[in-house]
Amino acid sequence: MRLLSLREHTSSIVVAALSSAFGVALLQLTNNMAVALTRDDEFGQAALLALMLNMLAVVFIAISVYVGAIVTANAFSTIIAGRTRTIALVRLIGGSARSQRRQIAGEGLMVGVIGSLVGAGAGIVAAAGIFQFAQGADALPAINYSYFDLIALAPIVGVIVTTWAAAWAGSRRVLSVTPMQALGASVDSIDDSPTHSIRRLALSTVMVGIGLGLTVVGMLVGLTFAPGVLISLVGGIISFTGFVLGAQFVMPQVLRFIGARIGRGSAARSLQKIRCGTQSAARGSPRG
């Protein structure tokens, strides 16, 4: 990757590194805590506590990776907006939009690899330091600490895959760049068409409905089967994704309602600017 690309992708690399570091550190800590609890099982509940720790780890890691993917997708969308003229020039001399998109997705893969490996190293060091400190303070029984378990590969691979997928999603607007834009001509995006807006609203509504349904099912299953809460996790991710897709239809109305209650002062003007910015950002947000 070129130095310029690295500079462009600094924020995405940092996000990937943070997600990977959090996931690796959390899994290392929970695994070693489970071993420590098993060796000092005074109440016979070590297996249940270990299960609960692992479930919490999965939930928090999934949330961190998901949030990181959203940030990365929007970061790539912003990067492509800045490259519009260059992409249009490549299109003008015969390059295809899909090849440009594959190239940008490849950058996302490299960002994921670099960020996840750097973050994994930081996570291993942080987890070892925290666990050794806890043992020194007699908060945990002394055990032979495992510095890297195979399960820690899961967040590393997960961050790489989700970063690549987020880059692919964020690069969708490459398909709407036309060769005419290299000449300075302004071309309306297909994303602003009424048909596309209707499809976006329908998809958003369906995803929110499915997500809320899965969340309720997960809550009911969790009353009798603890891992059922993971169903709610999936439902929450789906419903929130649907909300993000439909933000351009919801947030302007919410901000308009709040602005009407605030009045016409400086706060109301600030809300008006935020509402306009929300609409613009929603139009340029990744579609998949």
C-alpha atoms as a PDB file:
ATOM      1  CA  MET A   1       0.000   0.000   0.000  1.00  0.00           C
ATOM      2  CA  ARG A   2       1.332   3.430  -0.837  1.00  0.00           C
ATOM      3  CA  LEU A   3       2.244   5.967   1.832  1.00  0.00           C
ATOM      4  CA  LEU A   4      -0.607   8.175   0.644  1.00  0.00           C
ATOM      5  CA  SER A   5      -3.063   5.323   1.116  1.00  0.00           C
ATOM      6  CA  LEU A   6      -1.734   4.630   4.593  1.00  0.00           C
ATOM      7  CA  ARG A   7      -2.268   8.258   5.465  1.00  0.00           C
ATOM      8  CA  GLU A   8      -5.804   8.099   4.113  1.00  0.00           C
ATOM      9  CA  HIS A   9      -6.564   4.933   6.050  1.00  0.00           C
ATOM     10  CA  THR A  10      -5.016   5.886   9.394  1.00  0.00           C
ATOM     11  CA  SER A  11      -8.401   6.155  11.106  1.00  0.00           C
ATOM     12  CA  SER A  12      -9.558   2.793   9.725  1.00  0.00           C
ATOM     13  CA  ILE A  13      -6.333   1.100  10.844  1.00  0.00           C
ATOM     14  CA  VAL A  14      -6.748   2.544  14.334  1.00  0.00           C
ATOM     15  CA  VAL A  15     -10.369   1.333  14.488  1.00  0.00           C
ATOM     16  CA  ALA A  16      -9.359  -2.170  13.364  1.00  0.00           C
ATOM     17  CA  ALA A  17      -6.508  -2.226  15.869  1.00  0.00           C
ATOM     18  CA  LEU A  18      -8.768  -1.157  18.732  1.00  0.00           C
ATOM     19  CA  SER A  19     -11.391  -3.782  17.851  1.00  0.00           C
ATOM     20  CA  SER A  20      -8.771  -6.520  17.602  1.00  0.00           C
ATOM     21  CA  ALA A  21      -6.991  -5.463  20.803  1.00  0.00           C
ATOM     22  CA  PHE A  22     -10.264  -5.379  22.725  1.00  0.00           C
ATOM     23  CA  GLY A  23     -11.357  -8.783  21.421  1.00  0.00           C
ATOM     24  CA  VAL A  24      -8.040 -10.547  22.011  1.00  0.00           C
ATOM     25  CA  ALA A  25      -7.546  -9.041  25.472  1.00  0.00           C
ATOM     26  CA  LEU A  26     -11.100  -9.856  26.542  1.00  0.00           C
ATOM     27  CA  LEU A  27     -10.908 -13.480  25.366  1.00  0.00           C
ATOM     28  CA  GLN A  28      -7.497 -14.009  26.956  1.00  0.00           C
ATOM     29  CA  LEU A  29      -8.713 -12.590  30.258  1.00  0.00           C
ATOM     30  CA  THR A  30     -11.976 -14.553  30.317  1.00  0.00           C
ATOM     31  CA  ASN A  31     -10.269 -17.821  29.360  1.00  0.00           C
ATOM     32  CA  ASN A  32      -7.634 -17.499  32.063  1.00  0.00           C
ATOM     33  CA  MET A  33     -10.209 -16.340  34.603  1.00  0.00           C
ATOM     34  CA  ALA A  34     -12.283 -19.423  33.799  1.00  0.00           C
ATOM     35  CA  VAL A  35      -9.238 -21.638  34.458  1.00  0.00           C
ATOM     36  CA  ALA A  36      -8.571 -19.801  37.721  1.00  0.00           C
ATOM     37  CA  LEU A  37     -12.187 -20.180  38.843  1.00  0.00           C
ATOM     38  CA  THR A  38     -12.159 -23.895  38.023  1.00  0.00           C
ATOM     39  CA  ARG A  39      -9.084 -24.454  40.215  1.00  0.00           C
ATOM     40  CA  ASP A  40     -10.620 -22.528  43.097  1.00  0.00           C
ATOM     41  CA  ASP A  41     -14.231 -23.687  42.865  1.00  0.00           C
ATOM     42  CA  GLU A  42     -15.513 -23.250  46.397  1.00  0.00           C
ATOM     43  CA  PHE A  43     -19.212 -23.157  45.523  1.00  0.00           C
ATOM     44  CA  GLY A  44     -19.347 -25.549  42.587  1.00  0.00           C
ATOM     45  CA  GLN A  45     -20.426 -22.804  40.169  1.00  0.00           C
ATOM     46  CA  ALA A  46     -17.190 -22.465  38.189  1.00  0.00           C
ATOM     47  CA  ALA A  47     -18.627 -23.975  34.991  1.00  0.00           C
ATOM     48  CA  LEU A  48     -21.635 -21.638  35.029  1.00  0.00           C
ATOM     49  CA  LEU A  49     -19.462 -18.594  35.762  1.00  0.00           C
ATOM     50  CA  ALA A  50     -17.093 -19.556  32.952  1.00  0.00           C
ATOM     51  CA  LEU A  51     -20.046 -19.859  30.564  1.00  0.00           C
ATOM     52  CA  MET A  52     -21.371 -16.450  31.587  1.00  0.00           C
ATOM     53  CA  LEU A  53     -17.929 -14.875  31.163  1.00  0.00           C
ATOM     54  CA  ASN A  54     -17.578 -16.331  27.668  1.00  0.00           C
ATOM     55  CA  MET A  55     -21.069 -15.145  26.707  1.00  0.00           C
ATOM     56  CA  LEU A  56     -20.313 -11.617  27.895  1.00  0.00           C
ATOM     57  CA  ALA A  57     -17.056 -11.690  25.969  1.00  0.00           C
ATOM     58  CA  VAL A  58     -18.829 -12.736  22.766  1.00  0.00           C
ATOM     59  CA  VAL A  59     -21.464 -10.014  23.181  1.00  0.00           C
ATOM     60  CA  PHE A  60     -18.981  -7.200  23.786  1.00  0.00           C
ATOM     61  CA  ILE A  61     -16.612  -8.364  21.044  1.00  0.00           C
ATOM     62  CA  ALA A  62     -19.466  -8.578  18.533  1.00  0.00           C
ATOM     63  CA  ILE A  63     -20.576  -5.058  19.435  1.00  0.00           C
ATOM     64  CA  SER A  64     -17.060  -3.633  19.128  1.00  0.00           C
ATOM     65  CA  VAL A  65     -16.443  -5.312  15.760  1.00  0.00           C
ATOM     66  CA  TYR A  66     -19.836  -4.175  14.472  1.00  0.00           C
ATOM     67  CA  VAL A  67     -19.281  -0.556  15.519  1.00  0.00           C
ATOM     68  CA  GLY A  68     -15.815  -0.685  13.983  1.00  0.00           C
ATOM     69  CA  ALA A  69     -17.302  -1.954  10.712  1.00  0.00           C
ATOM     70  CA  ILE A  70     -19.762   0.955  10.565  1.00  0.00           C
ATOM     71  CA  VAL A  71     -16.982   3.487  11.199  1.00  0.00           C
ATOM     72  CA  THR A  72     -14.774   1.829   8.569  1.00  0.00           C
ATOM     73  CA  ALA A  73     -17.559   1.751   5.961  1.00  0.00           C
ATOM     74  CA  ASN A  74     -18.225   5.459   6.414  1.00  0.00           C
ATOM     75  CA  ALA A  75     -14.487   6.211   6.389  1.00  0.00           C
ATOM     76  CA  PHE A  76     -14.118   4.479   3.012  1.00  0.00           C
ATOM     77  CA  SER A  77     -17.202   6.251   1.713  1.00  0.00           C
ATOM     78  CA  THR A  78     -15.582   9.572   2.656  1.00  0.00           C
ATOM     79  CA  ILE A  79     -12.265   8.568   1.073  1.00  0.00           C
ATOM     80  CA  ILE A  80     -14.012   7.684  -2.182  1.00  0.00           C
ATOM     81  CA  ALA A  81     -15.804  11.028  -2.169  1.00  0.00           C
ATOM     82  CA  GLY A  82     -12.379  12.659  -2.152  1.00  0.00           C
ATOM     83  CA  ARG A  83     -11.165  10.419  -4.969  1.00  0.00           C
ATOM     84  CA  THR A  84     -14.143  11.038  -7.237  1.00  0.00           C
ATOM     85  CA  ARG A  85     -12.168  12.999  -9.820  1.00  0.00           C
ATOM     86  CA  THR A  86      -9.363  10.413  -9.911  1.00  0.00           C
ATOM     87  CA  ILE A  87     -11.808   7.525 -10.240  1.00  0.00           C
ATOM     88  CA  ALA A  88     -13.621   9.378 -13.007  1.00  0.00           C
ATOM     89  CA  LEU A  89     -10.340   9.906 -14.872  1.00  0.00           C
ATOM     90  CA  VAL A  90      -9.602   6.183 -14.699  1.00  0.00           C
ATOM     91  CA  ARG A  91     -13.103   5.515 -16.028  1.00  0.00           C
ATOM     92  CA  LEU A  92     -12.496   8.026 -18.830  1.00  0.00           C
ATOM     93  CA  ILE A  93      -9.432   6.147 -20.099  1.00  0.00           C
ATOM     94  CA  GLY A  94     -11.208   2.798 -20.084  1.00  0.00           C
ATOM     95  CA  GLY A  95     -11.066   1.524 -16.506  1.00  0.00           C
ATOM     96  CA  SER A  96     -14.162  -0.167 -15.120  1.00  0.00           C
ATOM     97  CA  ALA A  97     -16.000   0.815 -11.961  1.00  0.00           C
ATOM     98  CA  ARG A  98     -15.910  -2.742 -10.666  1.00  0.00           C
ATOM     99  CA  SER A  99     -12.127  -2.965 -10.988  1.00  0.00           C
ATOM    100  CA  GLN A 100     -11.844   0.304  -9.070  1.00  0.00           C
ATOM    101  CA  ARG A 101     -14.130  -1.095  -6.401  1.00  0.00           C
ATOM    102  CA  ARG A 102     -12.087  -4.289  -6.134  1.00  0.00           C
ATOM    103  CA  GLN A 103      -8.937  -2.208  -5.719  1.00  0.00           C
ATOM    104  CA  ILE A 104     -10.481  -0.200  -2.888  1.00  0.00           C
ATOM    105  CA  ALA A 105     -11.814  -3.380  -1.249  1.00  0.00           C
ATOM    106  CA  GLY A 106      -8.255  -4.739  -1.455  1.00  0.00           C
ATOM    107  CA  GLU A 107      -7.088  -1.683   0.452  1.00  0.00           C
ATOM    108  CA  GLY A 108      -9.709  -2.515   3.059  1.00  0.00           C
ATOM    109  CA  LEU A 109      -8.323  -6.046   3.357  1.00  0.00           C
ATOM    110  CA  MET A 110      -4.808  -4.678   3.919  1.00  0.00           C
ATOM    111  CA  VAL A 111      -6.150  -2.206   6.479  1.00  0.00           C
ATOM    112  CA  GLY A 112      -7.835  -5.081   8.303  1.00  0.00           C
ATOM    113  CA  VAL A 113      -4.694  -7.243   8.309  1.00  0.00           C
ATOM    114  CA  ILE A 114      -2.418  -4.445   9.525  1.00  0.00           C
ATOM    115  CA  GLY A 115      -4.847  -3.150  12.137  1.00  0.00           C
ATOM    116  CA  SER A 116      -5.843  -6.564  13.486  1.00  0.00           C
ATOM    117  CA  LEU A 117      -2.265  -7.804  13.858  1.00  0.00           C
ATOM    118  CA  VAL A 118      -1.110  -4.619  15.583  1.00  0.00           C
ATOM    119  CA  GLY A 119      -4.151  -4.693  17.821  1.00  0.00           C
ATOM    120  CA  ALA A 120      -3.672  -8.390  18.624  1.00  0.00           C
ATOM    121  CA  GLY A 121      -0.157  -7.719  19.856  1.00  0.00           C
ATOM    122  CA  ALA A 122      -1.361  -4.844  22.012  1.00  0.00           C
ATOM    123  CA  GLY A 123      -4.247  -6.941  23.342  1.00  0.00           C
ATOM    124  CA  ILE A 124      -1.976  -9.833  24.330  1.00  0.00           C
ATOM    125  CA  VAL A 125       0.361  -7.500  26.214  1.00  0.00           C
ATOM    126  CA  ALA A 126      -2.506  -5.655  27.925  1.00  0.00           C
ATOM    127  CA  ALA A 127      -4.282  -8.867  28.988  1.00  0.00           C
ATOM    128  CA  ALA A 128      -1.092 -10.378  30.379  1.00  0.00           C
ATOM    129  CA  GLY A 129      -0.358  -7.204  32.339  1.00  0.00           C
ATOM    130  CA  ILE A 130      -3.879  -7.019  33.793  1.00  0.00           C
ATOM    131  CA  PHE A 131      -3.908 -10.693  34.774  1.00  0.00           C
ATOM    132  CA  GLN A 132      -0.465 -10.584  36.370  1.00  0.00           C
ATOM    133  CA  PHE A 133      -1.482  -7.471  38.317  1.00  0.00           C
ATOM    134  CA  ALA A 134      -4.646  -9.231  39.527  1.00  0.00           C
ATOM    135  CA  GLN A 135      -2.631 -12.235  40.664  1.00  0.00           C
ATOM    136  CA  GLY A 136      -0.107  -9.998  42.435  1.00  0.00           C
ATOM    137  CA  ALA A 137      -2.962  -8.285  44.278  1.00  0.00           C
ATOM    138  CA  ASP A 138      -4.366 -11.724  45.289  1.00  0.00           C
ATOM    139  CA  ALA A 139      -7.565 -10.995  43.362  1.00  0.00           C
ATOM    140  CA  LEU A 140      -7.090 -14.248  41.422  1.00  0.00           C
ATOM    141  CA  PRO A 141      -5.388 -17.527  42.335  1.00  0.00           C
ATOM    142  CA  ALA A 142      -1.947 -18.181  40.897  1.00  0.00           C
ATOM    143  CA  ILE A 143      -2.023 -20.218  37.672  1.00  0.00           C
ATOM    144  CA  ASN A 144       0.241 -20.672  34.665  1.00  0.00           C
ATOM    145  CA  TYR A 145      -0.964 -17.854  32.442  1.00  0.00           C
ATOM    146  CA  SER A 146      -1.672 -18.705  28.791  1.00  0.00           C
ATOM    147  CA  TYR A 147      -0.421 -15.816  26.685  1.00  0.00           C
ATOM    148  CA  PHE A 148      -2.278 -16.806  23.534  1.00  0.00           C
ATOM    149  CA  ASP A 149      -5.171 -19.224  23.133  1.00  0.00           C
ATOM    150  CA  LEU A 150      -6.368 -20.374  19.724  1.00  0.00           C
ATOM    151  CA  ILE A 151      -9.793 -18.874  20.457  1.00  0.00           C
ATOM    152  CA  ALA A 152      -8.129 -15.447  20.293  1.00  0.00           C
ATOM    153  CA  LEU A 153      -7.798 -15.978  16.543  1.00  0.00           C
ATOM    154  CA  ALA A 154     -11.558 -15.415  16.276  1.00  0.00           C
ATOM    155  CA  PRO A 155     -11.503 -11.619  16.826  1.00  0.00           C
ATOM    156  CA  ILE A 156      -8.392 -11.276  14.647  1.00  0.00           C
ATOM    157  CA  VAL A 157     -10.038 -13.052  11.714  1.00  0.00           C
ATOM    158  CA  GLY A 158     -13.342 -11.341  12.473  1.00  0.00           C
ATOM    159  CA  VAL A 159     -11.796  -7.875  12.309  1.00  0.00           C
ATOM    160  CA  ILE A 160     -10.034  -8.673   9.017  1.00  0.00           C
ATOM    161  CA  VAL A 161     -13.224 -10.019   7.418  1.00  0.00           C
ATOM    162  CA  THR A 162     -15.498  -7.245   8.687  1.00  0.00           C
ATOM    163  CA  THR A 163     -13.029  -4.526   7.695  1.00  0.00           C
ATOM    164  CA  TRP A 164     -12.827  -5.964   4.188  1.00  0.00           C
ATOM    165  CA  ALA A 165     -16.637  -6.230   4.033  1.00  0.00           C
ATOM    166  CA  ALA A 166     -17.014  -2.674   5.364  1.00  0.00           C
ATOM    167  CA  ALA A 167     -14.588  -1.388   2.742  1.00  0.00           C
ATOM    168  CA  TRP A 168     -16.582  -3.217   0.053  1.00  0.00           C
ATOM    169  CA  ALA A 169     -19.803  -1.681   1.374  1.00  0.00           C
ATOM    170  CA  GLY A 170     -18.281   1.783   1.636  1.00  0.00           C
ATOM    171  CA  SER A 171     -16.905   1.557  -1.902  1.00  0.00           C
ATOM    172  CA  ARG A 172     -20.365   1.107  -3.421  1.00  0.00           C
ATOM    173  CA  ARG A 173     -20.518   4.737  -4.470  1.00  0.00           C
ATOM    174  CA  VAL A 174     -17.684   3.998  -6.930  1.00  0.00           C
ATOM    175  CA  LEU A 175     -20.356   2.463  -9.153  1.00  0.00           C
ATOM    176  CA  SER A 176     -22.128   5.830  -9.431  1.00  0.00           C
ATOM    177  CA  VAL A 177     -19.014   7.729 -10.563  1.00  0.00           C
ATOM    178  CA  THR A 178     -19.166   8.502 -14.291  1.00  0.00           C
ATOM    179  CA  PRO A 179     -16.369   9.440 -16.722  1.00  0.00           C
ATOM    180  CA  MET A 180     -18.095  12.814 -17.248  1.00  0.00           C
ATOM    181  CA  GLN A 181     -17.200  13.801 -13.699  1.00  0.00           C
ATOM    182  CA  ALA A 182     -13.539  13.887 -14.729  1.00  0.00           C
ATOM    183  CA  LEU A 183     -14.447  16.900 -16.871  1.00  0.00           C
ATOM    184  CA  GLY A 184     -16.029  18.696 -13.941  1.00  0.00           C
ATOM    185  CA  ALA A 185     -19.576  17.857 -14.952  1.00  0.00           C
ATOM    186  CA  SER A 186     -22.044  17.304 -12.152  1.00  0.00           C
ATOM    187  CA  VAL A 187     -24.051  14.112 -12.484  1.00  0.00           C
ATOM    188  CA  ASP A 188     -26.957  13.227 -10.212  1.00  0.00           C
ATOM    189  CA  SER A 189     -26.412  10.093  -8.191  1.00  0.00           C
ATOM    190  CA  ILE A 190     -28.737   7.157  -8.656  1.00  0.00           C
ATOM    191  CA  ASP A 191     -28.861   6.934  -4.867  1.00  0.00           C
ATOM    192  CA  ASP A 192     -31.096  10.031  -4.768  1.00  0.00           C
ATOM    193  CA  SER A 193     -33.754   8.601  -7.080  1.00  0.00           C
ATOM    194  CA  PRO A 194     -37.288   8.089  -5.665  1.00  0.00           C
ATOM    195  CA  THR A 195     -37.169   4.386  -6.522  1.00  0.00           C
ATOM    196  CA  HIS A 196     -33.947   3.904  -4.591  1.00  0.00           C
ATOM    197  CA  SER A 197     -35.360   5.815  -1.602  1.00  0.00           C
ATOM    198  CA  ILE A 198     -38.459   3.604  -1.536  1.00  0.00           C
ATOM    199  CA  ARG A 199     -36.340   0.460  -1.662  1.00  0.00           C
ATOM    200  CA  ARG A 200     -34.069   1.800   1.063  1.00  0.00           C
ATOM    201  CA  LEU A 201     -37.043   2.614   3.301  1.00  0.00           C
ATOM    202  CA  ALA A 202     -38.591  -0.820   2.692  1.00  0.00           C
ATOM    203  CA  LEU A 203     -35.324  -2.619   3.459  1.00  0.00           C
ATOM    204  CA  SER A 204     -34.848  -0.523   6.584  1.00  0.00           C
ATOM    205  CA  THR A 205     -38.360  -1.271   7.820  1.00  0.00           C
ATOM    206  CA  VAL A 206     -37.997  -5.005   7.219  1.00  0.00           C
ATOM    207  CA  MET A 207     -34.630  -5.171   8.974  1.00  0.00           C
ATOM    208  CA  VAL A 208     -35.899  -3.231  11.997  1.00  0.00           C
ATOM    209  CA  GLY A 209     -38.943  -5.501  12.222  1.00  0.00           C
ATOM    210  CA  ILE A 210     -36.895  -8.710  11.946  1.00  0.00           C
ATOM    211  CA  GLY A 211     -34.318  -7.409  14.396  1.00  0.00           C
ATOM    212  CA  LEU A 212     -36.891  -6.455  17.016  1.00  0.00           C
ATOM    213  CA  GLY A 213     -38.597  -9.821  16.589  1.00  0.00           C
ATOM    214  CA  LEU A 214     -35.324 -11.692  17.145  1.00  0.00           C
ATOM    215  CA  THR A 215     -34.566  -9.504  20.161  1.00  0.00           C
ATOM    216  CA  VAL A 216     -37.870 -10.456  21.800  1.00  0.00           C
ATOM    217  CA  VAL A 217     -37.380 -14.140  20.944  1.00  0.00           C
ATOM    218  CA  GLY A 218     -33.876 -14.035  22.421  1.00  0.00           C
ATOM    219  CA  MET A 219     -35.176 -12.498  25.634  1.00  0.00           C
ATOM    220  CA  LEU A 220     -37.830 -15.200  25.987  1.00  0.00           C
ATOM    221  CA  VAL A 221     -35.396 -18.030  25.204  1.00  0.00           C
ATOM    222  CA  GLY A 222     -32.858 -16.508  27.601  1.00  0.00           C
ATOM    223  CA  LEU A 223     -35.289 -16.962  30.495  1.00  0.00           C
ATOM    224  CA  THR A 224     -34.806 -20.734  30.306  1.00  0.00           C
ATOM    225  CA  PHE A 225     -31.584 -21.114  28.286  1.00  0.00           C
ATOM    226  CA  ALA A 226     -28.828 -18.597  29.026  1.00  0.00           C
ATOM    227  CA  PRO A 227     -27.128 -18.671  25.581  1.00  0.00           C
ATOM    228  CA  GLY A 228     -30.454 -17.572  24.109  1.00  0.00           C
ATOM    229  CA  VAL A 229     -29.349 -14.012  24.798  1.00  0.00           C
ATOM    230  CA  LEU A 230     -27.087 -14.348  21.763  1.00  0.00           C
ATOM    231  CA  ILE A 231     -30.235 -14.405  19.629  1.00  0.00           C
ATOM    232  CA  SER A 232     -31.038 -10.960  21.011  1.00  0.00           C
ATOM    233  CA  LEU A 233     -27.524  -9.855  20.055  1.00  0.00           C
ATOM    234  CA  VAL A 234     -28.147 -10.833  16.432  1.00  0.00           C
ATOM    235  CA  GLY A 235     -31.526  -9.130  16.523  1.00  0.00           C
ATOM    236  CA  GLY A 236     -30.022  -5.958  17.935  1.00  0.00           C
ATOM    237  CA  ILE A 237     -27.383  -5.830  15.212  1.00  0.00           C
ATOM    238  CA  ILE A 238     -29.960  -6.361  12.457  1.00  0.00           C
ATOM    239  CA  SER A 239     -32.391  -3.785  13.847  1.00  0.00           C
ATOM    240  CA  PHE A 240     -29.680  -1.178  14.383  1.00  0.00           C
ATOM    241  CA  THR A 241     -28.418  -1.727  10.834  1.00  0.00           C
ATOM    242  CA  GLY A 242     -31.956  -1.140   9.599  1.00  0.00           C
ATOM    243  CA  PHE A 243     -32.156   2.037  11.659  1.00  0.00           C
ATOM    244  CA  VAL A 244     -28.871   3.277  10.168  1.00  0.00           C
ATOM    245  CA  LEU A 245     -30.176   2.588   6.660  1.00  0.00           C
ATOM    246  CA  GLY A 246     -33.372   4.500   7.408  1.00  0.00           C
ATOM    247  CA  ALA A 247     -31.768   7.342   9.367  1.00  0.00           C
ATOM    248  CA  GLN A 248     -32.344   9.816   6.536  1.00  0.00           C
ATOM    249  CA  PHE A 249     -36.107   9.262   6.872  1.00  0.00           C
ATOM    250  CA  VAL A 250     -36.264   9.371  10.676  1.00  0.00           C
ATOM    251  CA  MET A 251     -33.632  11.767  11.997  1.00  0.00           C
ATOM    252  CA  PRO A 252     -34.700  14.891  10.025  1.00  0.00           C
ATOM    253  CA  GLN A 253     -38.223  14.538  11.439  1.00  0.00           C
ATOM    254  CA  VAL A 254     -36.923  14.028  14.978  1.00  0.00           C
ATOM    255  CA  LEU A 255     -34.620  17.035  14.718  1.00  0.00           C
ATOM    256  CA  ARG A 256     -37.412  19.137  13.206  1.00  0.00           C
ATOM    257  CA  PHE A 257     -39.681  18.202  16.137  1.00  0.00           C
ATOM    258  CA  ILE A 258     -37.001  19.075  18.693  1.00  0.00           C
ATOM    259  CA  GLY A 259     -36.185  22.306  16.878  1.00  0.00           C
ATOM    260  CA  ALA A 260     -39.836  23.353  16.975  1.00  0.00           C
ATOM    261  CA  ARG A 261     -39.865  22.870  20.751  1.00  0.00           C
ATOM    262  CA  ILE A 262     -36.621  24.775  21.289  1.00  0.00           C
ATOM    263  CA  GLY A 263     -37.629  27.855  19.319  1.00  0.00           C
ATOM    264  CA  ARG A 264     -35.772  30.035  16.857  1.00  0.00           C
ATOM    265  CA  GLY A 265     -32.607  30.818  18.804  1.00  0.00           C
ATOM    266  CA  SER A 266     -29.017  29.749  18.157  1.00  0.00           C
ATOM    267  CA  ALA A 267     -29.748  26.229  19.426  1.00  0.00           C
ATOM    268  CA  ALA A 268     -32.520  25.829  16.856  1.00  0.00           C
ATOM    269  CA  ARG A 269     -30.238  27.048  14.070  1.00  0.00           C
ATOM    270  CA  SER A 270     -27.615  24.532  15.175  1.00  0.00           C
ATOM    271  CA  LEU A 271     -30.200  21.752  15.035  1.00  0.00           C
ATOM    272  CA  GLN A 272     -31.168  22.849  11.535  1.00  0.00           C
ATOM    273  CA  LYS A 273     -27.549  22.520  10.430  1.00  0.00           C
ATOM    274  CA  ILE A 274     -27.325  19.084  12.055  1.00  0.00           C
ATOM    275  CA  ARG A 275     -30.524  17.994  10.304  1.00  0.00           C
ATOM    276  CA  CYS A 276     -29.177  19.084   6.914  1.00  0.00           C
ATOM    277  CA  GLY A 277     -25.896  17.317   7.639  1.00  0.00           C
ATOM    278  CA  THR A 278     -27.750  14.159   8.648  1.00  0.00           C
ATOM    279  CA  GLN A 279     -29.631  14.105   5.364  1.00  0.00           C
ATOM    280  CA  SER A 280     -26.435  14.611   3.347  1.00  0.00           C
ATOM    281  CA  ALA A 281     -24.531  11.952   5.293  1.00  0.00           C
ATOM    282  CA  ALA A 282     -27.391   9.482   4.976  1.00  0.00           C
ATOM    283  CA  ARG A 283     -27.431   9.862   1.206  1.00  0.00           C
ATOM    284  CA  GLY A 284     -23.725   9.066   1.070  1.00  0.00           C
ATOM    285  CA  SER A 285     -23.803   6.238   3.628  1.00  0.00           C
ATOM    286  CA  PRO A 286     -22.864   2.663   2.524  1.00  0.00           C
ATOM    287  CA  ARG A 287     -25.633   0.513   1.080  1.00  0.00           C
ATOM    288  CA  GLY A 288     -23.912  -2.855   1.008  1.00  0.00           C
END
